[in-house]
């Protein structure tokens, strides 16, 4: 799968005109980048001392990240299937 550089998209119109497969790759990239950072912070906050301060918040954030990661996996699978069908 070709990696799409979302920094090349200068305007909202670039998003609108991107082919569906490229658009999905861009969406995945834009979702995964902040999710990686958030996951790292949750891991830091999950140490024993911090976990006692905000256990519910840490659980909710962690569960939400897992749901978003699953969504990204589903989008990636769908994109691979689109690419497979469009390749001769």
C-alpha atoms as a PDB file:
ATOM      1  CA  UNK A   1       0.000   0.000   0.000  1.00  0.00           C
ATOM      2  CA  UNK A   2       1.370   3.395  -0.932  1.00  0.00           C
ATOM      3  CA  UNK A   3       1.839   5.801   1.918  1.00  0.00           C
ATOM      4  CA  UNK A   4       0.111   9.141   1.406  1.00  0.00           C
ATOM      5  CA  UNK A   5       1.755  12.259   2.771  1.00  0.00           C
ATOM      6  CA  UNK A   6      -1.103  14.308   4.222  1.00  0.00           C
ATOM      7  CA  UNK A   7       1.199  17.317   4.594  1.00  0.00           C
ATOM      8  CA  UNK A   8       0.974  17.720   0.809  1.00  0.00           C
ATOM      9  CA  UNK A   9      -2.706  18.510   1.058  1.00  0.00           C
ATOM     10  CA  UNK A  10      -2.732  22.284   0.949  1.00  0.00           C
ATOM     11  CA  UNK A  11      -6.450  22.881   1.237  1.00  0.00           C
ATOM     12  CA  UNK A  12      -9.771  21.315   2.019  1.00  0.00           C
ATOM     13  CA  UNK A  13     -10.333  20.901  -1.728  1.00  0.00           C
ATOM     14  CA  UNK A  14      -7.338  18.546  -1.877  1.00  0.00           C
ATOM     15  CA  UNK A  15      -9.169  16.250   0.556  1.00  0.00           C
ATOM     16  CA  UNK A  16     -12.350  16.430  -1.484  1.00  0.00           C
ATOM     17  CA  UNK A  17     -10.595  15.631  -4.764  1.00  0.00           C
ATOM     18  CA  UNK A  18      -8.457  12.779  -3.438  1.00  0.00           C
ATOM     19  CA  UNK A  19      -9.371   9.350  -4.811  1.00  0.00           C
ATOM     20  CA  UNK A  20     -11.236   7.227  -2.226  1.00  0.00           C
ATOM     21  CA  UNK A  21      -8.251   4.958  -1.506  1.00  0.00           C
ATOM     22  CA  UNK A  22      -5.957   7.928  -0.924  1.00  0.00           C
ATOM     23  CA  UNK A  23      -8.578   9.622   1.209  1.00  0.00           C
ATOM     24  CA  UNK A  24      -8.887   6.536   3.402  1.00  0.00           C
ATOM     25  CA  UNK A  25      -5.098   6.351   3.782  1.00  0.00           C
ATOM     26  CA  UNK A  26      -5.031  10.014   4.785  1.00  0.00           C
ATOM     27  CA  UNK A  27      -7.809   9.471   7.328  1.00  0.00           C
ATOM     28  CA  UNK A  28      -5.936   6.522   8.810  1.00  0.00           C
ATOM     29  CA  UNK A  29      -2.751   8.527   9.127  1.00  0.00           C
ATOM     30  CA  UNK A  30      -4.555  11.472  10.712  1.00  0.00           C
ATOM     31  CA  UNK A  31      -6.271   9.169  13.233  1.00  0.00           C
ATOM     32  CA  UNK A  32      -3.250   7.062  14.117  1.00  0.00           C
ATOM     33  CA  UNK A  33      -0.878   9.935  14.827  1.00  0.00           C
ATOM     34  CA  UNK A  34      -2.796  11.427  17.778  1.00  0.00           C
ATOM     35  CA  UNK A  35      -3.888   7.979  18.960  1.00  0.00           C
ATOM     36  CA  UNK A  36      -0.252   6.968  19.331  1.00  0.00           C
ATOM     37  CA  UNK A  37       0.441  10.022  21.478  1.00  0.00           C
ATOM     38  CA  UNK A  38      -2.667   9.517  23.600  1.00  0.00           C
ATOM     39  CA  UNK A  39      -1.830   5.839  24.096  1.00  0.00           C
ATOM     40  CA  UNK A  40       1.632   6.809  25.299  1.00  0.00           C
ATOM     41  CA  UNK A  41       0.218   9.243  27.834  1.00  0.00           C
ATOM     42  CA  UNK A  42      -2.289   6.642  29.069  1.00  0.00           C
ATOM     43  CA  UNK A  43       0.571   4.196  29.537  1.00  0.00           C
ATOM     44  CA  UNK A  44       2.481   6.779  31.593  1.00  0.00           C
ATOM     45  CA  UNK A  45      -0.603   7.583  33.678  1.00  0.00           C
ATOM     46  CA  UNK A  46      -1.296   3.895  34.223  1.00  0.00           C
ATOM     47  CA  UNK A  47       1.668   3.429  36.526  1.00  0.00           C
ATOM     48  CA  UNK A  48       0.598   2.469  40.035  1.00  0.00           C
ATOM     49  CA  UNK A  49       0.910   5.927  41.610  1.00  0.00           C
ATOM     50  CA  UNK A  50      -0.976   7.782  38.855  1.00  0.00           C
ATOM     51  CA  UNK A  51      -3.579   5.069  38.360  1.00  0.00           C
ATOM     52  CA  UNK A  52      -4.909   5.651  41.858  1.00  0.00           C
ATOM     53  CA  UNK A  53      -5.599   9.327  41.085  1.00  0.00           C
ATOM     54  CA  UNK A  54      -7.839   8.894  38.018  1.00  0.00           C
ATOM     55  CA  UNK A  55      -8.692   5.219  37.476  1.00  0.00           C
ATOM     56  CA  UNK A  56     -12.009   5.815  35.672  1.00  0.00           C
ATOM     57  CA  UNK A  57     -10.569   8.437  33.307  1.00  0.00           C
ATOM     58  CA  UNK A  58      -7.654   6.180  32.408  1.00  0.00           C
ATOM     59  CA  UNK A  59     -10.026   3.257  31.745  1.00  0.00           C
ATOM     60  CA  UNK A  60     -12.358   5.357  29.555  1.00  0.00           C
ATOM     61  CA  UNK A  61      -9.475   6.795  27.528  1.00  0.00           C
ATOM     62  CA  UNK A  62      -7.881   3.371  27.118  1.00  0.00           C
ATOM     63  CA  UNK A  63     -11.178   1.788  26.001  1.00  0.00           C
ATOM     64  CA  UNK A  64     -11.776   4.618  23.528  1.00  0.00           C
ATOM     65  CA  UNK A  65      -8.303   4.229  22.035  1.00  0.00           C
ATOM     66  CA  UNK A  66      -8.900   0.501  21.577  1.00  0.00           C
ATOM     67  CA  UNK A  67     -12.173   1.218  19.739  1.00  0.00           C
ATOM     68  CA  UNK A  68     -10.449   3.776  17.500  1.00  0.00           C
ATOM     69  CA  UNK A  69      -7.601   1.344  16.770  1.00  0.00           C
ATOM     70  CA  UNK A  70     -10.170  -1.285  15.739  1.00  0.00           C
ATOM     71  CA  UNK A  71     -11.860   1.269  13.475  1.00  0.00           C
ATOM     72  CA  UNK A  72      -8.487   2.069  11.872  1.00  0.00           C
ATOM     73  CA  UNK A  73      -7.829  -1.628  11.318  1.00  0.00           C
ATOM     74  CA  UNK A  74     -11.243  -1.988   9.655  1.00  0.00           C
ATOM     75  CA  UNK A  75     -10.604   1.028   7.400  1.00  0.00           C
ATOM     76  CA  UNK A  76      -7.167  -0.337   6.479  1.00  0.00           C
ATOM     77  CA  UNK A  77      -8.678  -3.727   5.591  1.00  0.00           C
ATOM     78  CA  UNK A  78     -11.347  -2.051   3.497  1.00  0.00           C
ATOM     79  CA  UNK A  79      -8.715   0.056   1.710  1.00  0.00           C
ATOM     80  CA  UNK A  80      -6.594  -3.027   0.969  1.00  0.00           C
ATOM     81  CA  UNK A  81      -9.674  -4.737  -0.459  1.00  0.00           C
ATOM     82  CA  UNK A  82     -10.415  -1.698  -2.668  1.00  0.00           C
ATOM     83  CA  UNK A  83      -6.840  -1.716  -3.917  1.00  0.00           C
ATOM     84  CA  UNK A  84      -6.925  -5.452  -4.573  1.00  0.00           C
ATOM     85  CA  UNK A  85     -10.120  -5.094  -6.611  1.00  0.00           C
ATOM     86  CA  UNK A  86      -8.786  -2.169  -8.627  1.00  0.00           C
ATOM     87  CA  UNK A  87      -5.432  -3.792  -9.466  1.00  0.00           C
ATOM     88  CA  UNK A  88      -5.431  -5.723 -12.757  1.00  0.00           C
END
